[in-house]
């Protein structure tokens, strides 16, 4: 004969199992994974942005400062951290051609997620952005030294460079 505690556990287990199957039957079997096939994107609002223009006559020291600022102030935290750390490491050693490439990479695409996906190699980089600087960014993103990258760097290092 079963004890009352054992009988209660069995009944509770059977009831919970039946309830779980009933609830699961009501829920869709797959989770949300992005756009649905029938999404017409009719509700999407595209905000027109002015086209990127290269600042050819900009002095190189001003360009470096502007790119440092633009690397730190992004539309998403992931790129803020990634690009500001990349800029800290490489910006002061980049040639004029590399600075132009970096300027185009971070300012021409209107979607910061595109830059992130290209840098992490989750999506292929369009030919117009592929080059030496994009290769440097992709390699930097791999974080082979396993540095802790939780926040954008402080600006104290700039004061040390000018002393």
Protein backbone atom coordinates (compact mmCIF):
# COMPACT_ATOMS: atom_id res chain seq x y z
CA UNK A 1 0.00 0.00 0.00
CA UNK A 2 1.22 3.51 -0.83
CA UNK A 3 1.76 6.08 1.84
CA UNK A 4 -0.28 9.25 1.60
CA UNK A 5 2.86 11.32 0.86
CA UNK A 6 3.85 9.06 -2.04
CA UNK A 7 0.30 9.04 -3.43
CA UNK A 8 0.15 12.84 -3.21
CA UNK A 9 3.47 13.16 -5.11
CA UNK A 10 2.25 10.83 -7.84
CA UNK A 11 -1.03 12.70 -8.31
CA UNK A 12 0.73 16.07 -8.28
CA UNK A 13 3.27 14.83 -10.84
CA UNK A 14 0.58 13.48 -13.17
CA UNK A 15 -1.45 16.69 -12.90
CA UNK A 16 1.59 18.91 -13.54
CA UNK A 17 2.59 16.79 -16.54
CA UNK A 18 -0.90 17.08 -18.01
CA UNK A 19 -0.95 20.83 -17.36
CA UNK A 20 2.50 21.27 -18.93
CA UNK A 21 1.39 19.41 -22.10
CA UNK A 22 -1.79 21.49 -22.27
CA UNK A 23 0.09 24.79 -21.93
CA UNK A 24 2.81 23.79 -24.40
CA UNK A 25 0.11 22.84 -26.88
CA UNK A 26 -1.20 26.43 -26.74
CA UNK A 27 2.19 28.04 -27.31
CA UNK A 28 3.97 28.13 -30.68
CA UNK A 29 6.70 25.55 -30.93
CA UNK A 30 9.38 27.96 -32.17
CA UNK A 31 10.43 31.29 -30.75
CA UNK A 32 10.77 34.63 -32.51
CA UNK A 33 13.73 34.63 -34.85
CA UNK A 34 13.38 37.89 -36.74
CA UNK A 35 11.12 38.96 -39.57
CA UNK A 36 8.28 36.67 -40.49
CA UNK A 37 8.11 35.55 -44.13
CA UNK A 38 4.92 37.55 -44.69
CA UNK A 39 6.31 40.78 -43.18
CA UNK A 40 5.93 43.49 -45.82
CA UNK A 41 7.78 46.01 -43.65
CA UNK A 42 4.97 48.44 -44.44
CA UNK A 43 5.30 49.96 -40.99
CA UNK A 44 9.02 50.66 -41.46
CA UNK A 45 9.88 54.35 -41.48
CA UNK A 46 13.12 55.27 -43.17
CA UNK A 47 14.64 58.51 -42.02
CA UNK A 48 16.63 60.12 -44.81
CA UNK A 49 20.20 60.82 -43.79
CA UNK A 50 22.51 63.21 -45.58
CA UNK A 51 25.05 61.31 -47.67
CA UNK A 52 28.53 60.89 -46.24
CA UNK A 53 31.04 63.28 -47.74
CA UNK A 54 34.77 62.88 -47.37
CA UNK A 55 36.42 65.88 -45.76
CA UNK A 56 39.46 66.02 -48.04
CA UNK A 57 40.79 69.38 -46.81
CA UNK A 58 40.47 68.53 -43.12
CA UNK A 59 43.82 68.71 -41.28
CA UNK A 60 45.01 65.27 -40.15
CA UNK A 61 45.11 66.15 -36.42
CA UNK A 62 41.51 67.42 -36.59
CA UNK A 63 40.47 64.28 -38.49
CA UNK A 64 42.00 62.07 -35.77
CA UNK A 65 40.15 63.98 -33.03
CA UNK A 66 36.86 63.85 -34.94
CA UNK A 67 37.23 60.13 -35.60
CA UNK A 68 38.07 59.50 -31.95
CA UNK A 69 34.89 61.31 -30.92
CA UNK A 70 32.81 59.52 -33.55
CA UNK A 71 34.26 56.17 -32.46
CA UNK A 72 33.10 56.83 -28.90
CA UNK A 73 29.63 58.20 -29.64
CA UNK A 74 27.80 55.48 -31.52
CA UNK A 75 24.18 54.46 -31.79
CA UNK A 76 24.76 51.24 -29.87
CA UNK A 77 26.91 50.31 -26.89
CA UNK A 78 28.63 47.38 -28.60
CA UNK A 79 30.10 49.62 -31.28
CA UNK A 80 30.91 52.36 -28.79
CA UNK A 81 33.09 49.95 -26.85
CA UNK A 82 34.56 48.17 -29.87
CA UNK A 83 35.34 51.25 -31.96
CA UNK A 84 36.59 53.41 -29.08
CA UNK A 85 39.05 50.70 -28.01
CA UNK A 86 40.09 50.18 -31.63
CA UNK A 87 40.61 53.94 -32.03
CA UNK A 88 42.64 54.09 -28.83
CA UNK A 89 44.98 51.40 -30.12
CA UNK A 90 45.33 52.36 -33.80
CA UNK A 91 44.10 55.88 -34.59
CA UNK A 92 47.34 57.73 -33.82
CA UNK A 93 49.41 55.38 -36.00
CA UNK A 94 47.09 55.32 -39.03
CA UNK A 95 48.25 56.83 -42.30
CA UNK A 96 46.17 59.37 -44.18
CA UNK A 97 44.76 56.63 -46.45
CA UNK A 98 43.90 54.45 -43.45
CA UNK A 99 42.17 57.39 -41.75
CA UNK A 100 40.07 57.92 -44.89
CA UNK A 101 39.11 54.23 -44.91
CA UNK A 102 38.21 54.32 -41.22
CA UNK A 103 36.19 57.52 -41.72
CA UNK A 104 34.19 55.85 -44.49
CA UNK A 105 33.64 52.64 -42.49
CA UNK A 106 32.25 54.33 -39.39
CA UNK A 107 30.35 57.20 -41.05
CA UNK A 108 28.95 56.11 -44.41
CA UNK A 109 26.74 53.16 -43.39
CA UNK A 110 23.53 54.42 -41.82
CA UNK A 111 23.10 51.34 -39.63
CA UNK A 112 25.54 50.66 -36.78
CA UNK A 113 24.48 47.01 -36.75
CA UNK A 114 26.00 46.61 -40.23
CA UNK A 115 29.38 47.77 -38.93
CA UNK A 116 29.11 45.39 -35.98
CA UNK A 117 28.17 42.42 -38.17
CA UNK A 118 31.03 43.13 -40.59
CA UNK A 119 33.57 43.50 -37.76
CA UNK A 120 32.46 40.27 -36.11
CA UNK A 121 32.25 38.57 -39.52
CA UNK A 122 28.63 37.59 -38.93
CA UNK A 123 27.90 39.04 -42.39
CA UNK A 124 30.19 39.57 -45.36
CA UNK A 125 31.69 43.03 -45.70
CA UNK A 126 30.68 44.90 -48.87
CA UNK A 127 33.62 45.44 -51.22
CA UNK A 128 33.51 49.22 -50.79
CA UNK A 129 34.34 48.88 -47.07
CA UNK A 130 36.73 45.95 -47.35
CA UNK A 131 40.36 46.99 -47.03
CA UNK A 132 43.30 47.26 -44.71
CA UNK A 133 41.43 49.05 -41.92
CA UNK A 134 38.49 46.63 -42.02
CA UNK A 135 40.97 43.75 -41.78
CA UNK A 136 42.55 45.46 -38.75
CA UNK A 137 39.11 45.94 -37.18
CA UNK A 138 38.15 42.30 -37.78
CA UNK A 139 41.40 41.09 -36.23
CA UNK A 140 40.96 43.46 -33.28
CA UNK A 141 37.40 42.20 -32.78
CA UNK A 142 38.63 38.62 -32.40
CA UNK A 143 40.30 39.70 -29.13
CA UNK A 144 42.99 37.04 -29.29
CA UNK A 145 44.59 38.35 -26.06
CA UNK A 146 41.25 37.97 -24.29
CA UNK A 147 41.26 41.51 -22.95
CA UNK A 148 38.38 42.55 -20.77
CA UNK A 149 36.34 44.94 -22.93
CA UNK A 150 33.40 46.04 -20.85
CA UNK A 151 33.48 49.79 -21.34
CA UNK A 152 34.92 52.50 -23.54
CA UNK A 153 38.36 53.67 -22.40
CA UNK A 154 38.73 56.83 -20.38
CA UNK A 155 40.38 59.80 -22.05
CA UNK A 156 43.30 60.07 -19.64
CA UNK A 157 45.61 58.47 -22.20
CA UNK A 158 45.19 61.54 -24.43
CA UNK A 159 46.70 63.80 -21.76
CA UNK A 160 49.70 61.49 -21.43
CA UNK A 161 50.34 61.64 -25.18
CA UNK A 162 50.45 65.46 -25.17
CA UNK A 163 52.91 65.69 -22.26
